[in-house]
């Protein structure tokens, strides 16, 4: 399972990572989301999200790093850049 390592600003207040080839506008393609609290998708159902520690906002580097570490711990790998 691969994810695009580029963060996308979405919904006017959040940021997300999407699965390889995914569309940030499609909620089903999102594998990590940050508004204030980061969340990572852990299953196929709409409620299958694991929250992380409360952050500041969608630009919070610690929240973004938590999402990327959590995705990798779940078997996701980032796409190559370039």
PDB file of N, CA and C in Angstrom:
ATOM      1  N   UNK A   1       0.851  -1.165   0.000  1.00  0.00           N
ATOM      2  CA  UNK A   1       0.000   0.000   0.000  1.00  0.00           C
ATOM      3  C   UNK A   1       0.899   1.231   0.000  1.00  0.00           C
ATOM      4  N   UNK A   2       0.614   2.128  -0.909  1.00  0.00           N
ATOM      5  CA  UNK A   2       1.433   3.343  -1.024  1.00  0.00           C
ATOM      6  C   UNK A   2       0.553   4.579  -0.847  1.00  0.00           C
ATOM      7  N   UNK A   3       1.181   5.620  -0.289  1.00  0.00           N
ATOM      8  CA  UNK A   3       0.496   6.898  -0.182  1.00  0.00           C
ATOM      9  C   UNK A   3       1.344   7.984  -0.823  1.00  0.00           C
ATOM     10  N   UNK A   4       0.665   9.014  -1.309  1.00  0.00           N
ATOM     11  CA  UNK A   4       1.336  10.172  -1.877  1.00  0.00           C
ATOM     12  C   UNK A   4       1.843  11.008  -0.701  1.00  0.00           C
ATOM     13  N   UNK A   5       3.156  11.282  -0.589  1.00  0.00           N
ATOM     14  CA  UNK A   5       3.691  11.995   0.570  1.00  0.00           C
ATOM     15  C   UNK A   5       3.476  13.514   0.554  1.00  0.00           C
ATOM     16  N   UNK A   6       2.764  14.019  -0.445  1.00  0.00           N
ATOM     17  CA  UNK A   6       2.480  15.455  -0.527  1.00  0.00           C
ATOM     18  C   UNK A   6       1.209  15.779   0.250  1.00  0.00           C
ATOM     19  N   UNK A   7       1.305  16.719   1.169  1.00  0.00           N
ATOM     20  CA  UNK A   7       0.123  17.157   1.924  1.00  0.00           C
ATOM     21  C   UNK A   7      -0.715  18.078   1.054  1.00  0.00           C
ATOM     22  N   UNK A   8      -2.042  17.853   1.066  1.00  0.00           N
ATOM     23  CA  UNK A   8      -2.987  18.643   0.286  1.00  0.00           C
ATOM     24  C   UNK A   8      -3.883  19.418   1.241  1.00  0.00           C
ATOM     25  N   UNK A   9      -4.073  20.715   0.993  1.00  0.00           N
ATOM     26  CA  UNK A   9      -5.018  21.498   1.778  1.00  0.00           C
ATOM     27  C   UNK A   9      -6.417  21.191   1.269  1.00  0.00           C
ATOM     28  N   UNK A  10      -7.321  20.888   2.191  1.00  0.00           N
ATOM     29  CA  UNK A  10      -8.686  20.494   1.817  1.00  0.00           C
ATOM     30  C   UNK A  10      -9.715  21.128   2.745  1.00  0.00           C
ATOM     31  N   UNK A  11     -10.910  21.253   2.239  1.00  0.00           N
ATOM     32  CA  UNK A  11     -12.073  21.676   3.009  1.00  0.00           C
ATOM     33  C   UNK A  11     -11.889  23.019   3.712  1.00  0.00           C
ATOM     34  N   UNK A  12     -10.960  23.827   3.256  1.00  0.00           N
ATOM     35  CA  UNK A  12     -10.776  25.151   3.797  1.00  0.00           C
ATOM     36  C   UNK A  12     -10.115  25.235   5.161  1.00  0.00           C
ATOM     37  N   UNK A  13      -9.887  24.105   5.815  1.00  0.00           N
ATOM     38  CA  UNK A  13      -9.306  24.166   7.166  1.00  0.00           C
ATOM     39  C   UNK A  13      -8.426  22.976   7.498  1.00  0.00           C
ATOM     40  N   UNK A  14      -8.280  22.045   6.596  1.00  0.00           N
ATOM     41  CA  UNK A  14      -7.530  20.835   6.915  1.00  0.00           C
ATOM     42  C   UNK A  14      -6.505  20.489   5.864  1.00  0.00           C
ATOM     43  N   UNK A  15      -5.776  19.426   6.147  1.00  0.00           N
ATOM     44  CA  UNK A  15      -4.782  18.900   5.212  1.00  0.00           C
ATOM     45  C   UNK A  15      -4.921  17.385   5.204  1.00  0.00           C
ATOM     46  N   UNK A  16      -4.549  16.757   4.096  1.00  0.00           N
ATOM     47  CA  UNK A  16      -4.651  15.308   4.025  1.00  0.00           C
ATOM     48  C   UNK A  16      -3.544  14.716   3.168  1.00  0.00           C
ATOM     49  N   UNK A  17      -3.324  13.435   3.408  1.00  0.00           N
ATOM     50  CA  UNK A  17      -2.515  12.588   2.533  1.00  0.00           C
ATOM     51  C   UNK A  17      -3.480  11.630   1.861  1.00  0.00           C
ATOM     52  N   UNK A  18      -3.199  11.251   0.619  1.00  0.00           N
ATOM     53  CA  UNK A  18      -4.080  10.328  -0.102  1.00  0.00           C
ATOM     54  C   UNK A  18      -3.306   9.090  -0.549  1.00  0.00           C
ATOM     55  N   UNK A  19      -4.065   8.027  -0.792  1.00  0.00           N
ATOM     56  CA  UNK A  19      -3.460   6.796  -1.321  1.00  0.00           C
ATOM     57  C   UNK A  19      -2.874   7.071  -2.692  1.00  0.00           C
ATOM     58  N   UNK A  20      -1.964   6.230  -3.150  1.00  0.00           N
ATOM     59  CA  UNK A  20      -1.322   6.375  -4.451  1.00  0.00           C
ATOM     60  C   UNK A  20      -2.386   6.516  -5.534  1.00  0.00           C
ATOM     61  N   UNK A  21      -2.260   7.556  -6.346  1.00  0.00           N
ATOM     62  CA  UNK A  21      -3.213   7.793  -7.428  1.00  0.00           C
ATOM     63  C   UNK A  21      -4.534   8.372  -6.967  1.00  0.00           C
ATOM     64  N   UNK A  22      -4.654   8.696  -5.677  1.00  0.00           N
ATOM     65  CA  UNK A  22      -5.915   9.185  -5.125  1.00  0.00           C
ATOM     66  C   UNK A  22      -6.156  10.660  -5.409  1.00  0.00           C
ATOM     67  N   UNK A  23      -7.396  11.053  -5.172  1.00  0.00           N
ATOM     68  CA  UNK A  23      -7.839  12.429  -5.366  1.00  0.00           C
ATOM     69  C   UNK A  23      -8.149  13.027  -3.995  1.00  0.00           C
ATOM     70  N   UNK A  24      -7.477  14.116  -3.596  1.00  0.00           N
ATOM     71  CA  UNK A  24      -7.735  14.710  -2.286  1.00  0.00           C
ATOM     72  C   UNK A  24      -9.191  15.135  -2.069  1.00  0.00           C
ATOM     73  N   UNK A  25      -9.908  15.417  -3.153  1.00  0.00           N
ATOM     74  CA  UNK A  25     -11.315  15.803  -3.029  1.00  0.00           C
ATOM     75  C   UNK A  25     -12.214  14.612  -2.689  1.00  0.00           C
ATOM     76  N   UNK A  26     -11.720  13.406  -2.908  1.00  0.00           N
ATOM     77  CA  UNK A  26     -12.490  12.195  -2.629  1.00  0.00           C
ATOM     78  C   UNK A  26     -12.122  11.691  -1.230  1.00  0.00           C
ATOM     79  N   UNK A  27     -13.048  11.804  -0.292  1.00  0.00           N
ATOM     80  CA  UNK A  27     -12.784  11.420   1.098  1.00  0.00           C
ATOM     81  C   UNK A  27     -12.326   9.970   1.188  1.00  0.00           C
ATOM     82  N   UNK A  28     -12.826   9.100   0.346  1.00  0.00           N
ATOM     83  CA  UNK A  28     -12.452   7.684   0.382  1.00  0.00           C
ATOM     84  C   UNK A  28     -10.980   7.468   0.047  1.00  0.00           C
ATOM     85  N   UNK A  29     -10.349   8.419  -0.646  1.00  0.00           N
ATOM     86  CA  UNK A  29      -8.934   8.305  -1.012  1.00  0.00           C
ATOM     87  C   UNK A  29      -7.997   8.830   0.072  1.00  0.00           C
ATOM     88  N   UNK A  30      -8.541   9.502   1.069  1.00  0.00           N
ATOM     89  CA  UNK A  30      -7.711  10.097   2.115  1.00  0.00           C
ATOM     90  C   UNK A  30      -7.267   9.025   3.105  1.00  0.00           C
ATOM     91  N   UNK A  31      -5.980   9.008   3.418  1.00  0.00           N
ATOM     92  CA  UNK A  31      -5.458   8.035   4.390  1.00  0.00           C
ATOM     93  C   UNK A  31      -5.004   8.706   5.681  1.00  0.00           C
ATOM     94  N   UNK A  32      -4.840  10.015   5.658  1.00  0.00           N
ATOM     95  CA  UNK A  32      -4.523  10.792   6.856  1.00  0.00           C
ATOM     96  C   UNK A  32      -5.153  12.167   6.702  1.00  0.00           C
ATOM     97  N   UNK A  33      -5.684  12.694   7.822  1.00  0.00           N
ATOM     98  CA  UNK A  33      -6.341  13.995   7.814  1.00  0.00           C
ATOM     99  C   UNK A  33      -5.926  14.750   9.072  1.00  0.00           C
ATOM    100  N   UNK A  34      -5.698  16.044   8.923  1.00  0.00           N
ATOM    101  CA  UNK A  34      -5.436  16.904  10.079  1.00  0.00           C
ATOM    102  C   UNK A  34      -6.330  18.128   9.985  1.00  0.00           C
ATOM    103  N   UNK A  35      -7.064  18.395  11.031  1.00  0.00           N
ATOM    104  CA  UNK A  35      -7.703  19.695  11.223  1.00  0.00           C
ATOM    105  C   UNK A  35      -6.947  20.290  12.413  1.00  0.00           C
ATOM    106  N   UNK A  36      -7.308  19.883  13.634  1.00  0.00           N
ATOM    107  CA  UNK A  36      -6.451  20.146  14.802  1.00  0.00           C
ATOM    108  C   UNK A  36      -5.849  18.829  15.269  1.00  0.00           C
ATOM    109  N   UNK A  37      -6.685  17.801  15.330  1.00  0.00           N
ATOM    110  CA  UNK A  37      -6.216  16.477  15.741  1.00  0.00           C
ATOM    111  C   UNK A  37      -5.918  15.649  14.506  1.00  0.00           C
ATOM    112  N   UNK A  38      -4.721  15.076  14.410  1.00  0.00           N
ATOM    113  CA  UNK A  38      -4.424  14.223  13.253  1.00  0.00           C
ATOM    114  C   UNK A  38      -5.161  12.891  13.374  1.00  0.00           C
ATOM    115  N   UNK A  39      -5.544  12.331  12.243  1.00  0.00           N
ATOM    116  CA  UNK A  39      -6.202  11.019  12.198  1.00  0.00           C
ATOM    117  C   UNK A  39      -5.655  10.231  11.019  1.00  0.00           C
ATOM    118  N   UNK A  40      -5.556   8.920  11.220  1.00  0.00           N
ATOM    119  CA  UNK A  40      -5.082   8.026  10.170  1.00  0.00           C
ATOM    120  C   UNK A  40      -6.133   6.949   9.947  1.00  0.00           C
ATOM    121  N   UNK A  41      -6.421   6.674   8.670  1.00  0.00           N
ATOM    122  CA  UNK A  41      -7.399   5.623   8.330  1.00  0.00           C
ATOM    123  C   UNK A  41      -6.801   4.262   8.668  1.00  0.00           C
ATOM    124  N   UNK A  42      -7.572   3.456   9.393  1.00  0.00           N
ATOM    125  CA  UNK A  42      -7.104   2.130   9.784  1.00  0.00           C
ATOM    126  C   UNK A  42      -7.938   1.004   9.197  1.00  0.00           C
ATOM    127  N   UNK A  43      -8.911   1.334   8.367  1.00  0.00           N
ATOM    128  CA  UNK A  43      -9.742   0.309   7.749  1.00  0.00           C
ATOM    129  C   UNK A  43     -10.598   0.920   6.653  1.00  0.00           C
ATOM    130  N   UNK A  44     -11.424   0.097   6.007  1.00  0.00           N
ATOM    131  CA  UNK A  44     -12.191   0.564   4.857  1.00  0.00           C
ATOM    132  C   UNK A  44     -13.475   1.328   5.197  1.00  0.00           C
ATOM    133  N   UNK A  45     -13.948   1.236   6.421  1.00  0.00           N
ATOM    134  CA  UNK A  45     -15.213   1.867   6.780  1.00  0.00           C
ATOM    135  C   UNK A  45     -15.033   3.351   7.101  1.00  0.00           C
ATOM    136  N   UNK A  46     -16.081   4.152   6.940  1.00  0.00           N
ATOM    137  CA  UNK A  46     -15.966   5.582   7.202  1.00  0.00           C
ATOM    138  C   UNK A  46     -15.518   5.915   8.630  1.00  0.00           C
ATOM    139  N   UNK A  47     -15.799   5.051   9.589  1.00  0.00           N
ATOM    140  CA  UNK A  47     -15.433   5.315  10.985  1.00  0.00           C
ATOM    141  C   UNK A  47     -14.091   4.719  11.382  1.00  0.00           C
ATOM    142  N   UNK A  48     -13.369   4.118  10.461  1.00  0.00           N
ATOM    143  CA  UNK A  48     -12.094   3.444  10.766  1.00  0.00           C
ATOM    144  C   UNK A  48     -10.928   4.422  10.780  1.00  0.00           C
ATOM    145  N   UNK A  49     -10.892   5.287  11.783  1.00  0.00           N
ATOM    146  CA  UNK A  49      -9.832   6.286  11.926  1.00  0.00           C
ATOM    147  C   UNK A  49      -9.244   6.182  13.325  1.00  0.00           C
ATOM    148  N   UNK A  50      -7.935   6.330  13.426  1.00  0.00           N
ATOM    149  CA  UNK A  50      -7.254   6.376  14.720  1.00  0.00           C
ATOM    150  C   UNK A  50      -6.767   7.804  14.933  1.00  0.00           C
ATOM    151  N   UNK A  51      -7.200   8.449  16.035  1.00  0.00           N
ATOM    152  CA  UNK A  51      -6.741   9.808  16.295  1.00  0.00           C
ATOM    153  C   UNK A  51      -5.359   9.828  16.932  1.00  0.00           C
ATOM    154  N   UNK A  52      -4.652  10.898  16.684  1.00  0.00           N
ATOM    155  CA  UNK A  52      -3.348  11.106  17.306  1.00  0.00           C
ATOM    156  C   UNK A  52      -3.440  12.182  18.364  1.00  0.00           C
ATOM    157  N   UNK A  53      -2.304  12.664  18.828  1.00  0.00           N
ATOM    158  CA  UNK A  53      -2.300  13.726  19.835  1.00  0.00           C
ATOM    159  C   UNK A  53      -2.778  15.052  19.244  1.00  0.00           C
ATOM    160  N   UNK A  54      -3.506  15.809  20.053  1.00  0.00           N
ATOM    161  CA  UNK A  54      -4.043  17.086  19.570  1.00  0.00           C
ATOM    162  C   UNK A  54      -2.920  18.000  19.100  1.00  0.00           C
ATOM    163  N   UNK A  55      -3.126  18.558  17.927  1.00  0.00           N
ATOM    164  CA  UNK A  55      -2.151  19.471  17.359  1.00  0.00           C
ATOM    165  C   UNK A  55      -2.651  20.899  17.380  1.00  0.00           C
ATOM    166  N   UNK A  56      -2.022  21.729  16.571  1.00  0.00           N
ATOM    167  CA  UNK A  56      -2.372  23.149  16.526  1.00  0.00           C
ATOM    168  C   UNK A  56      -3.321  23.440  15.366  1.00  0.00           C
ATOM    169  N   UNK A  57      -2.934  22.975  14.170  1.00  0.00           N
ATOM    170  CA  UNK A  57      -3.732  23.195  12.965  1.00  0.00           C
ATOM    171  C   UNK A  57      -3.212  22.265  11.866  1.00  0.00           C
ATOM    172  N   UNK A  58      -3.734  22.429  10.668  1.00  0.00           N
ATOM    173  CA  UNK A  58      -3.367  21.551   9.555  1.00  0.00           C
ATOM    174  C   UNK A  58      -1.916  21.695   9.123  1.00  0.00           C
ATOM    175  N   UNK A  59      -1.275  22.790   9.511  1.00  0.00           N
ATOM    176  CA  UNK A  59       0.133  23.027   9.151  1.00  0.00           C
ATOM    177  C   UNK A  59       1.105  22.498  10.207  1.00  0.00           C
ATOM    178  N   UNK A  60       0.592  21.957  11.301  1.00  0.00           N
ATOM    179  CA  UNK A  60       1.418  21.511  12.424  1.00  0.00           C
ATOM    180  C   UNK A  60       2.357  20.376  12.004  1.00  0.00           C
ATOM    181  N   UNK A  61       3.655  20.645  12.017  1.00  0.00           N
ATOM    182  CA  UNK A  61       4.651  19.665  11.558  1.00  0.00           C
ATOM    183  C   UNK A  61       4.666  18.408  12.434  1.00  0.00           C
ATOM    184  N   UNK A  62       4.451  18.547  13.744  1.00  0.00           N
ATOM    185  CA  UNK A  62       4.432  17.372  14.619  1.00  0.00           C
ATOM    186  C   UNK A  62       3.260  16.464  14.278  1.00  0.00           C
ATOM    187  N   UNK A  63       2.099  17.048  13.982  1.00  0.00           N
ATOM    188  CA  UNK A  63       0.930  16.250  13.592  1.00  0.00           C
ATOM    189  C   UNK A  63       1.168  15.549  12.260  1.00  0.00           C
ATOM    190  N   UNK A  64       1.781  16.247  11.322  1.00  0.00           N
ATOM    191  CA  UNK A  64       2.089  15.638  10.024  1.00  0.00           C
ATOM    192  C   UNK A  64       3.073  14.484  10.188  1.00  0.00           C
ATOM    193  N   UNK A  65       4.096  14.693  11.029  1.00  0.00           N
ATOM    194  CA  UNK A  65       5.077  13.626  11.261  1.00  0.00           C
ATOM    195  C   UNK A  65       4.418  12.429  11.939  1.00  0.00           C
ATOM    196  N   UNK A  66       3.494  12.667  12.887  1.00  0.00           N
ATOM    197  CA  UNK A  66       2.794  11.568  13.553  1.00  0.00           C
ATOM    198  C   UNK A  66       2.011  10.752  12.521  1.00  0.00           C
ATOM    199  N   UNK A  67       1.302  11.442  11.626  1.00  0.00           N
ATOM    200  CA  UNK A  67       0.522  10.738  10.593  1.00  0.00           C
ATOM    201  C   UNK A  67       1.421   9.857   9.731  1.00  0.00           C
ATOM    202  N   UNK A  68       2.539  10.402   9.303  1.00  0.00           N
ATOM    203  CA  UNK A  68       3.432   9.636   8.438  1.00  0.00           C
ATOM    204  C   UNK A  68       4.019   8.432   9.174  1.00  0.00           C
ATOM    205  N   UNK A  69       4.406   8.616  10.433  1.00  0.00           N
ATOM    206  CA  UNK A  69       4.924   7.470  11.224  1.00  0.00           C
ATOM    207  C   UNK A  69       3.843   6.411  11.422  1.00  0.00           C
ATOM    208  N   UNK A  70       2.622   6.847  11.731  1.00  0.00           N
ATOM    209  CA  UNK A  70       1.518   5.905  11.969  1.00  0.00           C
ATOM    210  C   UNK A  70       1.193   5.133  10.688  1.00  0.00           C
ATOM    211  N   UNK A  71       1.139   5.826   9.551  1.00  0.00           N
ATOM    212  CA  UNK A  71       0.879   5.131   8.289  1.00  0.00           C
ATOM    213  C   UNK A  71       1.942   4.066   8.029  1.00  0.00           C
ATOM    214  N   UNK A  72       3.207   4.419   8.224  1.00  0.00           N
ATOM    215  CA  UNK A  72       4.293   3.460   8.003  1.00  0.00           C
ATOM    216  C   UNK A  72       4.178   2.280   8.951  1.00  0.00           C
ATOM    217  N   UNK A  73       3.760   2.512  10.205  1.00  0.00           N
ATOM    218  CA  UNK A  73       3.602   1.410  11.170  1.00  0.00           C
ATOM    219  C   UNK A  73       2.469   0.471  10.770  1.00  0.00           C
ATOM    220  N   UNK A  74       1.536   0.974   9.956  1.00  0.00           N
ATOM    221  CA  UNK A  74       0.409   0.168   9.476  1.00  0.00           C
ATOM    222  C   UNK A  74       0.704  -0.505   8.134  1.00  0.00           C
ATOM    223  N   UNK A  75       1.945  -0.348   7.638  1.00  0.00           N
ATOM    224  CA  UNK A  75       2.337  -1.014   6.396  1.00  0.00           C
ATOM    225  C   UNK A  75       2.284  -0.145   5.152  1.00  0.00           C
ATOM    226  N   UNK A  76       1.935   1.131   5.292  1.00  0.00           N
ATOM    227  CA  UNK A  76       1.914   2.037   4.150  1.00  0.00           C
ATOM    228  C   UNK A  76       3.338   2.513   3.865  1.00  0.00           C
ATOM    229  N   UNK A  77       3.654   2.738   2.605  1.00  0.00           N
ATOM    230  CA  UNK A  77       4.945   3.303   2.230  1.00  0.00           C
ATOM    231  C   UNK A  77       4.698   4.496   1.323  1.00  0.00           C
ATOM    232  N   UNK A  78       5.547   5.524   1.440  1.00  0.00           N
ATOM    233  CA  UNK A  78       5.349   6.689   0.570  1.00  0.00           C
ATOM    234  C   UNK A  78       5.780   6.397  -0.864  1.00  0.00           C
ATOM    235  N   UNK A  79       5.067   6.987  -1.825  1.00  0.00           N
ATOM    236  CA  UNK A  79       5.495   6.939  -3.224  1.00  0.00           C
ATOM    237  C   UNK A  79       6.821   7.640  -3.351  1.00  0.00           C
ATOM    238  N   UNK A  80       7.581   7.267  -4.341  1.00  0.00           N
ATOM    239  CA  UNK A  80       8.828   7.975  -4.621  1.00  0.00           C
ATOM    240  C   UNK A  80       8.505   9.348  -5.176  1.00  0.00           C
ATOM    241  N   UNK A  81       9.262  10.330  -4.751  1.00  0.00           N
ATOM    242  CA  UNK A  81       9.090  11.694  -5.289  1.00  0.00           C
ATOM    243  C   UNK A  81      10.084  11.859  -6.436  1.00  0.00           C
ATOM    244  N   UNK A  82       9.556  11.999  -7.623  1.00  0.00           N
ATOM    245  CA  UNK A  82      10.441  12.227  -8.750  1.00  0.00           C
ATOM    246  C   UNK A  82      10.493  11.037  -9.584  1.00  0.00           C
TER     247      UNK A  82
END
